[in-house]
Amino acid sequence: MSFPDKEAATDLFSRVSYSRLKYYWRDLIEVDSDGVFKDGTTFSTIIGRYAFDHQLRVILFDAIETIEVALRAKIIDHMSRAAGNGLWYLDSNLFEDKKRHQDFVLDLKYEFERSTEPFAKKYISEHPDWDCNSLSGDNPDAWLIIEVATFGTLSKMYKNLKSQLPQRSAVANDFGLYSSKDFSNWIEVISLMRNIVAHHSRLWNRSLGKKIIDPKGRRNAWLNGELTEIQKKKPYAVICAIAYLCKAVNFQHGFSNAVKHICSLFPDIPLAKYGFPVRWEKEPLWR
């Protein structure tokens, strides 16, 4: 590998470890060689790849926040209206698996206990029977306690809601999907993506442990064809799902344009490493 700008290389290595950077050049090593790089490989390519990956993660984190905040609001609204009270989340009859429901409530109370939000601290200080280790005691209404729930907890709760509940379908419909099963899959995988992004891990050439499924029914523009099995585990599939949900929440959301813009700024990045197909920007979702 050549280093045309040694000062830039030294600067990057002073801020980013070798072990973190090496995954951005592994495909540039000759097959069956002892670490010999392909002819013409320069460290400038690595700098570009790392910068692109970083900027992509930044815009993804912002978009996922939009989905997460909207998901909280819609679950609280639909479920609380149907129940007529704010303590519906304690009712195990609304959930498929009672053991998972109990674990969910305890996770929810643990997150409320450790929250630094003023409303959480105020509630706990004013309710002496509050107990984060039990389902009993003073329990806050859903619009308080679910507001501090993590995306992962929200995803697990939604997945465990009984499939025949109209509210489960109503939440999915608010996000432009006609199948609550499809929506459950999407937010579960997006939650995994959020954890990767939040911990500043690379998306470059990564496959996720769970795959996005093609939506069976939808309200808005999607893709012309189905995703391949390989694409379904690549960041591109999740990025598509995020773009779709952001538009459903707010038609004027800028995520789609932000993705197209960053890709235009880095024309030499092999987007196939993320699962992007050729002419991806021509798909209905991205127009």
C-alpha atoms as a PDB file:
ATOM      1  CA  MET A   1       0.000   0.000   0.000  1.00  0.00           C
ATOM      2  CA  SER A   2       1.314   3.420  -0.882  1.00  0.00           C
ATOM      3  CA  PHE A   3       0.960   6.506   1.300  1.00  0.00           C
ATOM      4  CA  PRO A   4       0.794   9.571  -0.963  1.00  0.00           C
ATOM      5  CA  ASP A   5      -0.130  11.802   1.992  1.00  0.00           C
ATOM      6  CA  LYS A   6       1.826  10.539   4.985  1.00  0.00           C
ATOM      7  CA  GLU A   7       0.701  13.454   7.142  1.00  0.00           C
ATOM      8  CA  ALA A   8      -2.977  12.543   6.625  1.00  0.00           C
ATOM      9  CA  ALA A   9      -2.203   8.877   7.319  1.00  0.00           C
ATOM     10  CA  THR A  10      -0.339   9.724  10.524  1.00  0.00           C
ATOM     11  CA  ASP A  11      -3.202  11.933  11.633  1.00  0.00           C
ATOM     12  CA  LEU A  12      -5.801   9.202  11.074  1.00  0.00           C
ATOM     13  CA  PHE A  13      -3.743   6.547  12.883  1.00  0.00           C
ATOM     14  CA  SER A  14      -3.347   8.938  15.805  1.00  0.00           C
ATOM     15  CA  ARG A  15      -7.140   9.014  16.177  1.00  0.00           C
ATOM     16  CA  VAL A  16      -8.228   5.570  14.949  1.00  0.00           C
ATOM     17  CA  SER A  17      -6.642   2.266  15.907  1.00  0.00           C
ATOM     18  CA  TYR A  18      -5.068  -0.152  13.446  1.00  0.00           C
ATOM     19  CA  SER A  19      -7.491  -2.901  14.491  1.00  0.00           C
ATOM     20  CA  ARG A  20     -10.452  -0.674  13.610  1.00  0.00           C
ATOM     21  CA  LEU A  21      -9.065   0.454  10.251  1.00  0.00           C
ATOM     22  CA  LYS A  22      -7.821  -2.874   8.915  1.00  0.00           C
ATOM     23  CA  TYR A  23     -11.302  -4.082   7.947  1.00  0.00           C
ATOM     24  CA  TYR A  24     -11.543  -1.253   5.440  1.00  0.00           C
ATOM     25  CA  TRP A  25      -8.651  -2.653   3.371  1.00  0.00           C
ATOM     26  CA  ARG A  26      -9.016  -6.425   3.667  1.00  0.00           C
ATOM     27  CA  ASP A  27     -10.617  -6.710   0.213  1.00  0.00           C
ATOM     28  CA  LEU A  28      -7.597  -4.909  -1.262  1.00  0.00           C
ATOM     29  CA  ILE A  29      -5.226  -7.738  -0.332  1.00  0.00           C
ATOM     30  CA  GLU A  30      -4.371 -10.283  -3.014  1.00  0.00           C
ATOM     31  CA  VAL A  31      -6.056 -13.666  -2.524  1.00  0.00           C
ATOM     32  CA  ASP A  32      -3.781 -16.386  -1.136  1.00  0.00           C
ATOM     33  CA  SER A  33      -1.019 -13.870  -0.499  1.00  0.00           C
ATOM     34  CA  ASP A  34       0.775 -13.137   2.735  1.00  0.00           C
ATOM     35  CA  GLY A  35      -0.784  -9.694   3.144  1.00  0.00           C
ATOM     36  CA  VAL A  36       0.310  -8.352  -0.245  1.00  0.00           C
ATOM     37  CA  PHE A  37      -1.842  -5.475  -1.452  1.00  0.00           C
ATOM     38  CA  LYS A  38      -3.181  -5.239  -4.979  1.00  0.00           C
ATOM     39  CA  ASP A  39      -1.276  -2.943  -7.314  1.00  0.00           C
ATOM     40  CA  GLY A  40      -2.335   0.674  -7.052  1.00  0.00           C
ATOM     41  CA  THR A  41      -3.709   0.448  -3.515  1.00  0.00           C
ATOM     42  CA  THR A  42      -3.286   3.726  -1.648  1.00  0.00           C
ATOM     43  CA  PHE A  43      -4.076   4.778   1.881  1.00  0.00           C
ATOM     44  CA  SER A  44      -6.153   7.630   0.460  1.00  0.00           C
ATOM     45  CA  THR A  45      -8.727   4.975  -0.484  1.00  0.00           C
ATOM     46  CA  ILE A  46      -8.885   3.838   3.140  1.00  0.00           C
ATOM     47  CA  ILE A  47      -9.343   7.398   4.375  1.00  0.00           C
ATOM     48  CA  GLY A  48     -12.264   7.842   1.951  1.00  0.00           C
ATOM     49  CA  ARG A  49     -13.894   4.587   2.985  1.00  0.00           C
ATOM     50  CA  TYR A  50     -13.617   5.399   6.666  1.00  0.00           C
ATOM     51  CA  ALA A  51     -14.982   8.929   6.177  1.00  0.00           C
ATOM     52  CA  PHE A  52     -17.934   7.653   4.138  1.00  0.00           C
ATOM     53  CA  ASP A  53     -18.784   4.969   6.685  1.00  0.00           C
ATOM     54  CA  HIS A  54     -18.677   7.527   9.486  1.00  0.00           C
ATOM     55  CA  GLN A  55     -20.916  10.022   7.693  1.00  0.00           C
ATOM     56  CA  LEU A  56     -23.390   7.299   6.727  1.00  0.00           C
ATOM     57  CA  ARG A  57     -23.665   6.225  10.371  1.00  0.00           C
ATOM     58  CA  VAL A  58     -24.303   9.822  11.437  1.00  0.00           C
ATOM     59  CA  ILE A  59     -27.284  10.289   9.127  1.00  0.00           C
ATOM     60  CA  LEU A  60     -28.592   6.827  10.001  1.00  0.00           C
ATOM     61  CA  PHE A  61     -28.561   7.591  13.722  1.00  0.00           C
ATOM     62  CA  ASP A  62     -30.593  10.748  13.131  1.00  0.00           C
ATOM     63  CA  ALA A  63     -33.129   8.871  10.992  1.00  0.00           C
ATOM     64  CA  ILE A  64     -33.487   6.033  13.500  1.00  0.00           C
ATOM     65  CA  GLU A  65     -34.236   8.611  16.188  1.00  0.00           C
ATOM     66  CA  THR A  66     -37.211   9.782  14.109  1.00  0.00           C
ATOM     67  CA  ILE A  67     -38.560   6.217  13.949  1.00  0.00           C
ATOM     68  CA  GLU A  68     -37.897   5.476  17.613  1.00  0.00           C
ATOM     69  CA  VAL A  69     -39.599   8.627  18.910  1.00  0.00           C
ATOM     70  CA  ALA A  70     -42.606   8.102  16.616  1.00  0.00           C
ATOM     71  CA  LEU A  71     -42.885   4.443  17.643  1.00  0.00           C
ATOM     72  CA  ARG A  72     -43.075   5.407  21.311  1.00  0.00           C
ATOM     73  CA  ALA A  73     -45.760   8.000  20.618  1.00  0.00           C
ATOM     74  CA  LYS A  74     -47.906   5.716  18.461  1.00  0.00           C
ATOM     75  CA  ILE A  75     -47.761   2.729  20.808  1.00  0.00           C
ATOM     76  CA  ILE A  76     -48.674   4.925  23.771  1.00  0.00           C
ATOM     77  CA  ASP A  77     -51.516   6.590  21.869  1.00  0.00           C
ATOM     78  CA  HIS A  78     -53.170   3.510  20.341  1.00  0.00           C
ATOM     79  CA  MET A  79     -52.818   1.223  23.358  1.00  0.00           C
ATOM     80  CA  SER A  80     -53.822   3.822  25.972  1.00  0.00           C
ATOM     81  CA  ARG A  81     -56.907   4.914  24.024  1.00  0.00           C
ATOM     82  CA  ALA A  82     -58.043   1.312  23.584  1.00  0.00           C
ATOM     83  CA  ALA A  83     -57.475   0.428  27.250  1.00  0.00           C
ATOM     84  CA  GLY A  84     -58.896   3.660  28.625  1.00  0.00           C
ATOM     85  CA  ASN A  85     -56.004   3.905  31.071  1.00  0.00           C
ATOM     86  CA  GLY A  86     -52.238   4.252  31.199  1.00  0.00           C
ATOM     87  CA  LEU A  87     -51.463   0.965  32.950  1.00  0.00           C
ATOM     88  CA  TRP A  88     -52.313  -1.368  30.060  1.00  0.00           C
ATOM     89  CA  TYR A  89     -48.666  -2.460  29.757  1.00  0.00           C
ATOM     90  CA  LEU A  90     -49.102  -4.404  33.029  1.00  0.00           C
ATOM     91  CA  ASP A  91     -51.911  -6.533  31.555  1.00  0.00           C
ATOM     92  CA  SER A  92     -50.369  -9.825  30.476  1.00  0.00           C
ATOM     93  CA  ASN A  93     -53.568 -10.707  28.575  1.00  0.00           C
ATOM     94  CA  LEU A  94     -52.531  -8.258  25.868  1.00  0.00           C
ATOM     95  CA  PHE A  95     -49.346 -10.196  25.174  1.00  0.00           C
ATOM     96  CA  GLU A  96     -48.599 -13.554  23.568  1.00  0.00           C
ATOM     97  CA  ASP A  97     -45.907 -14.787  25.955  1.00  0.00           C
ATOM     98  CA  LYS A  98     -46.494 -14.079  29.652  1.00  0.00           C
ATOM     99  CA  LYS A  99     -42.878 -14.761  30.646  1.00  0.00           C
ATOM    100  CA  ARG A 100     -41.577 -12.353  28.022  1.00  0.00           C
ATOM    101  CA  HIS A 101     -44.206  -9.855  29.152  1.00  0.00           C
ATOM    102  CA  GLN A 102     -42.937 -10.048  32.740  1.00  0.00           C
ATOM    103  CA  ASP A 103     -39.345  -9.591  31.553  1.00  0.00           C
ATOM    104  CA  PHE A 104     -40.443  -6.615  29.463  1.00  0.00           C
ATOM    105  CA  VAL A 105     -42.146  -4.877  32.398  1.00  0.00           C
ATOM    106  CA  LEU A 106     -39.107  -5.400  34.625  1.00  0.00           C
ATOM    107  CA  ASP A 107     -36.818  -4.065  31.866  1.00  0.00           C
ATOM    108  CA  LEU A 108     -39.113  -1.083  31.486  1.00  0.00           C
ATOM    109  CA  LYS A 109     -39.061  -0.363  35.209  1.00  0.00           C
ATOM    110  CA  TYR A 110     -35.286  -0.788  35.347  1.00  0.00           C
ATOM    111  CA  GLU A 111     -34.868   1.757  32.543  1.00  0.00           C
ATOM    112  CA  PHE A 112     -37.244   4.137  34.328  1.00  0.00           C
ATOM    113  CA  GLU A 113     -35.302   3.715  37.582  1.00  0.00           C
ATOM    114  CA  ARG A 114     -31.973   4.643  35.982  1.00  0.00           C
ATOM    115  CA  SER A 115     -33.363   7.435  33.820  1.00  0.00           C
ATOM    116  CA  THR A 116     -32.048  10.955  34.395  1.00  0.00           C
ATOM    117  CA  GLU A 117     -35.232  12.533  33.014  1.00  0.00           C
ATOM    118  CA  PRO A 118     -36.747  14.981  35.552  1.00  0.00           C
ATOM    119  CA  PHE A 119     -40.234  13.466  35.220  1.00  0.00           C
ATOM    120  CA  ALA A 120     -38.888  10.000  36.098  1.00  0.00           C
ATOM    121  CA  LYS A 121     -36.958  11.247  39.115  1.00  0.00           C
ATOM    122  CA  LYS A 122     -39.970  13.275  40.259  1.00  0.00           C
ATOM    123  CA  TYR A 123     -42.318  10.293  39.985  1.00  0.00           C
ATOM    124  CA  ILE A 124     -40.030   7.976  41.935  1.00  0.00           C
ATOM    125  CA  SER A 125     -39.449  10.553  44.684  1.00  0.00           C
ATOM    126  CA  GLU A 126     -43.202  11.130  45.091  1.00  0.00           C
ATOM    127  CA  HIS A 127     -44.213   7.442  45.137  1.00  0.00           C
ATOM    128  CA  PRO A 128     -42.782   5.543  48.128  1.00  0.00           C
ATOM    129  CA  ASP A 129     -44.298   2.255  46.894  1.00  0.00           C
ATOM    130  CA  TRP A 130     -42.292   2.377  43.676  1.00  0.00           C
ATOM    131  CA  ASP A 131     -40.406  -0.916  43.226  1.00  0.00           C
ATOM    132  CA  CYS A 132     -38.270  -1.492  40.139  1.00  0.00           C
ATOM    133  CA  ASN A 133     -37.769  -5.178  40.995  1.00  0.00           C
ATOM    134  CA  SER A 134     -41.424  -6.136  41.041  1.00  0.00           C
ATOM    135  CA  LEU A 135     -44.510  -5.815  38.852  1.00  0.00           C
ATOM    136  CA  SER A 136     -46.416  -4.534  41.873  1.00  0.00           C
ATOM    137  CA  GLY A 137     -46.135  -1.244  43.736  1.00  0.00           C
ATOM    138  CA  ASP A 138     -46.732   2.215  42.289  1.00  0.00           C
ATOM    139  CA  ASN A 139     -46.424   2.049  38.519  1.00  0.00           C
ATOM    140  CA  PRO A 140     -46.355   5.139  36.278  1.00  0.00           C
ATOM    141  CA  ASP A 141     -48.690   5.535  33.331  1.00  0.00           C
ATOM    142  CA  ALA A 142     -47.514   4.377  29.933  1.00  0.00           C
ATOM    143  CA  TRP A 143     -46.935   7.902  28.656  1.00  0.00           C
ATOM    144  CA  LEU A 144     -44.315   8.326  31.359  1.00  0.00           C
ATOM    145  CA  ILE A 145     -42.579   4.966  31.580  1.00  0.00           C
ATOM    146  CA  ILE A 146     -42.505   4.105  27.868  1.00  0.00           C
ATOM    147  CA  GLU A 147     -40.988   7.491  27.096  1.00  0.00           C
ATOM    148  CA  VAL A 148     -37.666   6.263  28.519  1.00  0.00           C
ATOM    149  CA  ALA A 149     -37.811   2.769  26.972  1.00  0.00           C
ATOM    150  CA  THR A 150     -34.936   1.810  24.685  1.00  0.00           C
ATOM    151  CA  PHE A 151     -35.592   0.945  21.050  1.00  0.00           C
ATOM    152  CA  GLY A 152     -34.778  -2.676  21.844  1.00  0.00           C
ATOM    153  CA  THR A 153     -37.359  -2.807  24.630  1.00  0.00           C
ATOM    154  CA  LEU A 154     -39.982  -1.171  22.397  1.00  0.00           C
ATOM    155  CA  SER A 155     -39.269  -3.687  19.650  1.00  0.00           C
ATOM    156  CA  LYS A 156     -39.626  -6.651  22.008  1.00  0.00           C
ATOM    157  CA  MET A 157     -42.836  -5.265  23.463  1.00  0.00           C
ATOM    158  CA  TYR A 158     -44.425  -4.710  20.056  1.00  0.00           C
ATOM    159  CA  LYS A 159     -43.399  -8.169  18.865  1.00  0.00           C
ATOM    160  CA  ASN A 160     -45.045  -9.754  21.918  1.00  0.00           C
ATOM    161  CA  LEU A 161     -48.370  -7.929  21.551  1.00  0.00           C
ATOM    162  CA  LYS A 162     -51.136 -10.338  20.569  1.00  0.00           C
ATOM    163  CA  SER A 163     -51.332 -10.561  16.798  1.00  0.00           C
ATOM    164  CA  GLN A 164     -55.124 -10.077  16.733  1.00  0.00           C
ATOM    165  CA  LEU A 165     -55.011  -6.744  18.570  1.00  0.00           C
ATOM    166  CA  PRO A 166     -56.314  -3.952  16.294  1.00  0.00           C
ATOM    167  CA  GLN A 167     -53.858  -1.556  17.934  1.00  0.00           C
ATOM    168  CA  ARG A 168     -50.896  -3.635  16.769  1.00  0.00           C
ATOM    169  CA  SER A 169     -52.089  -3.318  13.178  1.00  0.00           C
ATOM    170  CA  ALA A 170     -52.898   0.371  13.684  1.00  0.00           C
ATOM    171  CA  VAL A 171     -49.303   1.136  14.668  1.00  0.00           C
ATOM    172  CA  ALA A 172     -47.987  -0.693  11.592  1.00  0.00           C
ATOM    173  CA  ASN A 173     -50.476   1.172   9.383  1.00  0.00           C
ATOM    174  CA  ASP A 174     -49.260   4.489  10.778  1.00  0.00           C
ATOM    175  CA  PHE A 175     -45.830   3.538   9.423  1.00  0.00           C
ATOM    176  CA  GLY A 176     -47.244   2.660   6.005  1.00  0.00           C
ATOM    177  CA  LEU A 177     -47.228  -1.129   6.363  1.00  0.00           C
ATOM    178  CA  TYR A 178     -50.305  -3.351   6.236  1.00  0.00           C
ATOM    179  CA  SER A 179     -48.691  -6.268   8.066  1.00  0.00           C
ATOM    180  CA  SER A 180     -47.800  -5.961  11.745  1.00  0.00           C
ATOM    181  CA  LYS A 181     -45.525  -8.988  11.284  1.00  0.00           C
ATOM    182  CA  ASP A 182     -43.538  -7.136   8.614  1.00  0.00           C
ATOM    183  CA  PHE A 183     -43.344  -4.041  10.804  1.00  0.00           C
ATOM    184  CA  SER A 184     -42.194  -6.099  13.787  1.00  0.00           C
ATOM    185  CA  ASN A 185     -39.383  -7.549  11.680  1.00  0.00           C
ATOM    186  CA  TRP A 186     -38.338  -4.129  10.422  1.00  0.00           C
ATOM    187  CA  ILE A 187     -38.098  -2.463  13.815  1.00  0.00           C
ATOM    188  CA  GLU A 188     -36.277  -5.471  15.259  1.00  0.00           C
ATOM    189  CA  VAL A 189     -33.586  -5.269  12.571  1.00  0.00           C
ATOM    190  CA  ILE A 190     -33.465  -1.476  12.766  1.00  0.00           C
ATOM    191  CA  SER A 191     -32.899  -1.846  16.514  1.00  0.00           C
ATOM    192  CA  LEU A 192     -29.877  -4.038  15.741  1.00  0.00           C
ATOM    193  CA  MET A 193     -28.653  -1.403  13.301  1.00  0.00           C
ATOM    194  CA  ARG A 194     -29.126   1.280  15.939  1.00  0.00           C
ATOM    195  CA  ASN A 195     -26.889  -0.601  18.365  1.00  0.00           C
ATOM    196  CA  ILE A 196     -24.166  -0.922  15.730  1.00  0.00           C
ATOM    197  CA  VAL A 197     -24.356   2.774  14.897  1.00  0.00           C
ATOM    198  CA  ALA A 198     -24.624   3.908  18.527  1.00  0.00           C
ATOM    199  CA  HIS A 199     -21.452   1.993  19.402  1.00  0.00           C
ATOM    200  CA  HIS A 200     -19.651   3.505  16.395  1.00  0.00           C
ATOM    201  CA  SER A 201     -19.047   0.126  14.783  1.00  0.00           C
ATOM    202  CA  ARG A 202     -18.458  -0.137  11.044  1.00  0.00           C
ATOM    203  CA  LEU A 203     -21.189  -0.780   8.497  1.00  0.00           C
ATOM    204  CA  TRP A 204     -18.654  -1.333   5.738  1.00  0.00           C
ATOM    205  CA  ASN A 205     -18.863  -4.887   4.356  1.00  0.00           C
ATOM    206  CA  ARG A 206     -21.023  -6.013   7.277  1.00  0.00           C
ATOM    207  CA  SER A 207     -23.783  -8.607   7.353  1.00  0.00           C
ATOM    208  CA  LEU A 208     -26.390  -8.398  10.106  1.00  0.00           C
ATOM    209  CA  GLY A 209     -27.483 -11.356  12.183  1.00  0.00           C
ATOM    210  CA  LYS A 210     -31.131 -10.926  11.162  1.00  0.00           C
ATOM    211  CA  LYS A 211     -32.532 -10.086   7.757  1.00  0.00           C
ATOM    212  CA  ILE A 212     -35.127  -7.595   6.567  1.00  0.00           C
ATOM    213  CA  ILE A 213     -38.161  -9.127   4.890  1.00  0.00           C
ATOM    214  CA  ASP A 214     -39.891  -7.675   1.830  1.00  0.00           C
ATOM    215  CA  PRO A 215     -43.210  -6.053   2.825  1.00  0.00           C
ATOM    216  CA  LYS A 216     -46.297  -7.982   1.789  1.00  0.00           C
ATOM    217  CA  GLY A 217     -48.480  -4.885   1.787  1.00  0.00           C
ATOM    218  CA  ARG A 218     -47.548  -1.221   1.831  1.00  0.00           C
ATOM    219  CA  ARG A 219     -49.039   2.210   1.303  1.00  0.00           C
ATOM    220  CA  ASN A 220     -46.093   4.021  -0.282  1.00  0.00           C
ATOM    221  CA  ALA A 221     -43.384   3.456  -2.899  1.00  0.00           C
ATOM    222  CA  TRP A 222     -40.922   0.634  -2.231  1.00  0.00           C
ATOM    223  CA  LEU A 223     -38.578  -1.270  -4.545  1.00  0.00           C
ATOM    224  CA  ASN A 224     -39.368  -2.616  -8.011  1.00  0.00           C
ATOM    225  CA  GLY A 225     -38.155  -6.129  -7.232  1.00  0.00           C
ATOM    226  CA  GLU A 226     -37.544  -8.219  -4.150  1.00  0.00           C
ATOM    227  CA  LEU A 227     -34.302  -7.965  -2.227  1.00  0.00           C
ATOM    228  CA  THR A 228     -31.893 -10.850  -2.722  1.00  0.00           C
ATOM    229  CA  GLU A 229     -31.149 -13.115   0.226  1.00  0.00           C
ATOM    230  CA  ILE A 230     -27.668 -11.571   0.486  1.00  0.00           C
ATOM    231  CA  GLN A 231     -29.047  -8.022   0.344  1.00  0.00           C
ATOM    232  CA  LYS A 232     -31.572  -8.758   3.101  1.00  0.00           C
ATOM    233  CA  LYS A 233     -28.722  -9.067   5.615  1.00  0.00           C
ATOM    234  CA  LYS A 234     -26.748  -6.118   4.284  1.00  0.00           C
ATOM    235  CA  PRO A 235     -27.031  -2.507   5.503  1.00  0.00           C
ATOM    236  CA  TYR A 236     -28.735  -1.490   2.231  1.00  0.00           C
ATOM    237  CA  ALA A 237     -31.904  -3.435   3.085  1.00  0.00           C
ATOM    238  CA  VAL A 238     -32.107  -1.790   6.510  1.00  0.00           C
ATOM    239  CA  ILE A 239     -31.373   1.614   4.973  1.00  0.00           C
ATOM    240  CA  CYS A 240     -34.297   1.054   2.594  1.00  0.00           C
ATOM    241  CA  ALA A 241     -36.600   0.168   5.504  1.00  0.00           C
ATOM    242  CA  ILE A 242     -35.456   3.256   7.414  1.00  0.00           C
ATOM    243  CA  ALA A 243     -36.053   5.472   4.376  1.00  0.00           C
ATOM    244  CA  TYR A 244     -39.560   4.042   3.955  1.00  0.00           C
ATOM    245  CA  LEU A 245     -40.534   4.462   7.618  1.00  0.00           C
ATOM    246  CA  CYS A 246     -39.127   7.995   7.828  1.00  0.00           C
ATOM    247  CA  LYS A 247     -41.230   9.026   4.830  1.00  0.00           C
ATOM    248  CA  ALA A 248     -44.304   7.434   6.415  1.00  0.00           C
ATOM    249  CA  VAL A 249     -43.734   9.402   9.620  1.00  0.00           C
ATOM    250  CA  ASN A 250     -42.892  12.631   7.813  1.00  0.00           C
ATOM    251  CA  PHE A 251     -43.191  12.796   4.027  1.00  0.00           C
ATOM    252  CA  GLN A 252     -40.728  15.703   3.976  1.00  0.00           C
ATOM    253  CA  HIS A 253     -38.080  13.874   5.998  1.00  0.00           C
ATOM    254  CA  GLY A 254     -34.641  14.458   4.495  1.00  0.00           C
ATOM    255  CA  PHE A 255     -33.089  11.028   5.018  1.00  0.00           C
ATOM    256  CA  SER A 256     -33.485   9.789   1.430  1.00  0.00           C
ATOM    257  CA  ASN A 257     -31.883  12.926   0.030  1.00  0.00           C
ATOM    258  CA  ALA A 258     -29.121  12.727   2.628  1.00  0.00           C
ATOM    259  CA  VAL A 259     -28.245   9.168   1.541  1.00  0.00           C
ATOM    260  CA  LYS A 260     -28.158  10.166  -2.127  1.00  0.00           C
ATOM    261  CA  HIS A 261     -26.081  13.227  -1.309  1.00  0.00           C
ATOM    262  CA  ILE A 262     -23.429  11.411   0.688  1.00  0.00           C
ATOM    263  CA  CYS A 263     -23.120   8.777  -2.042  1.00  0.00           C
ATOM    264  CA  SER A 264     -22.578  11.543  -4.598  1.00  0.00           C
ATOM    265  CA  LEU A 265     -19.784  13.008  -2.441  1.00  0.00           C
ATOM    266  CA  PHE A 266     -17.927   9.670  -2.456  1.00  0.00           C
ATOM    267  CA  PRO A 267     -18.305   8.385  -6.041  1.00  0.00           C
ATOM    268  CA  ASP A 268     -15.394   5.943  -5.696  1.00  0.00           C
ATOM    269  CA  ILE A 269     -16.903   4.015  -2.762  1.00  0.00           C
ATOM    270  CA  PRO A 270     -17.910   0.473  -3.864  1.00  0.00           C
ATOM    271  CA  LEU A 271     -21.472   0.588  -2.536  1.00  0.00           C
ATOM    272  CA  ALA A 272     -21.880  -3.113  -3.256  1.00  0.00           C
ATOM    273  CA  LYS A 273     -20.008  -3.673   0.023  1.00  0.00           C
ATOM    274  CA  TYR A 274     -23.132  -2.316   1.736  1.00  0.00           C
ATOM    275  CA  GLY A 275     -25.482  -4.306  -0.496  1.00  0.00           C
ATOM    276  CA  PHE A 276     -26.450  -1.404  -2.791  1.00  0.00           C
ATOM    277  CA  PRO A 277     -27.419  -2.695  -6.252  1.00  0.00           C
ATOM    278  CA  VAL A 278     -26.500  -0.991  -9.519  1.00  0.00           C
ATOM    279  CA  ARG A 279     -28.712   2.053 -10.232  1.00  0.00           C
ATOM    280  CA  TRP A 280     -30.258   1.818  -6.764  1.00  0.00           C
ATOM    281  CA  GLU A 281     -31.140   5.530  -6.807  1.00  0.00           C
ATOM    282  CA  LYS A 282     -33.569   4.891  -9.708  1.00  0.00           C
ATOM    283  CA  GLU A 283     -35.803   2.739  -7.514  1.00  0.00           C
ATOM    284  CA  PRO A 284     -39.249   4.244  -6.633  1.00  0.00           C
ATOM    285  CA  LEU A 285     -38.269   4.442  -2.952  1.00  0.00           C
ATOM    286  CA  TRP A 286     -35.408   6.835  -3.688  1.00  0.00           C
ATOM    287  CA  ARG A 287     -37.100   9.118  -6.218  1.00  0.00           C
END
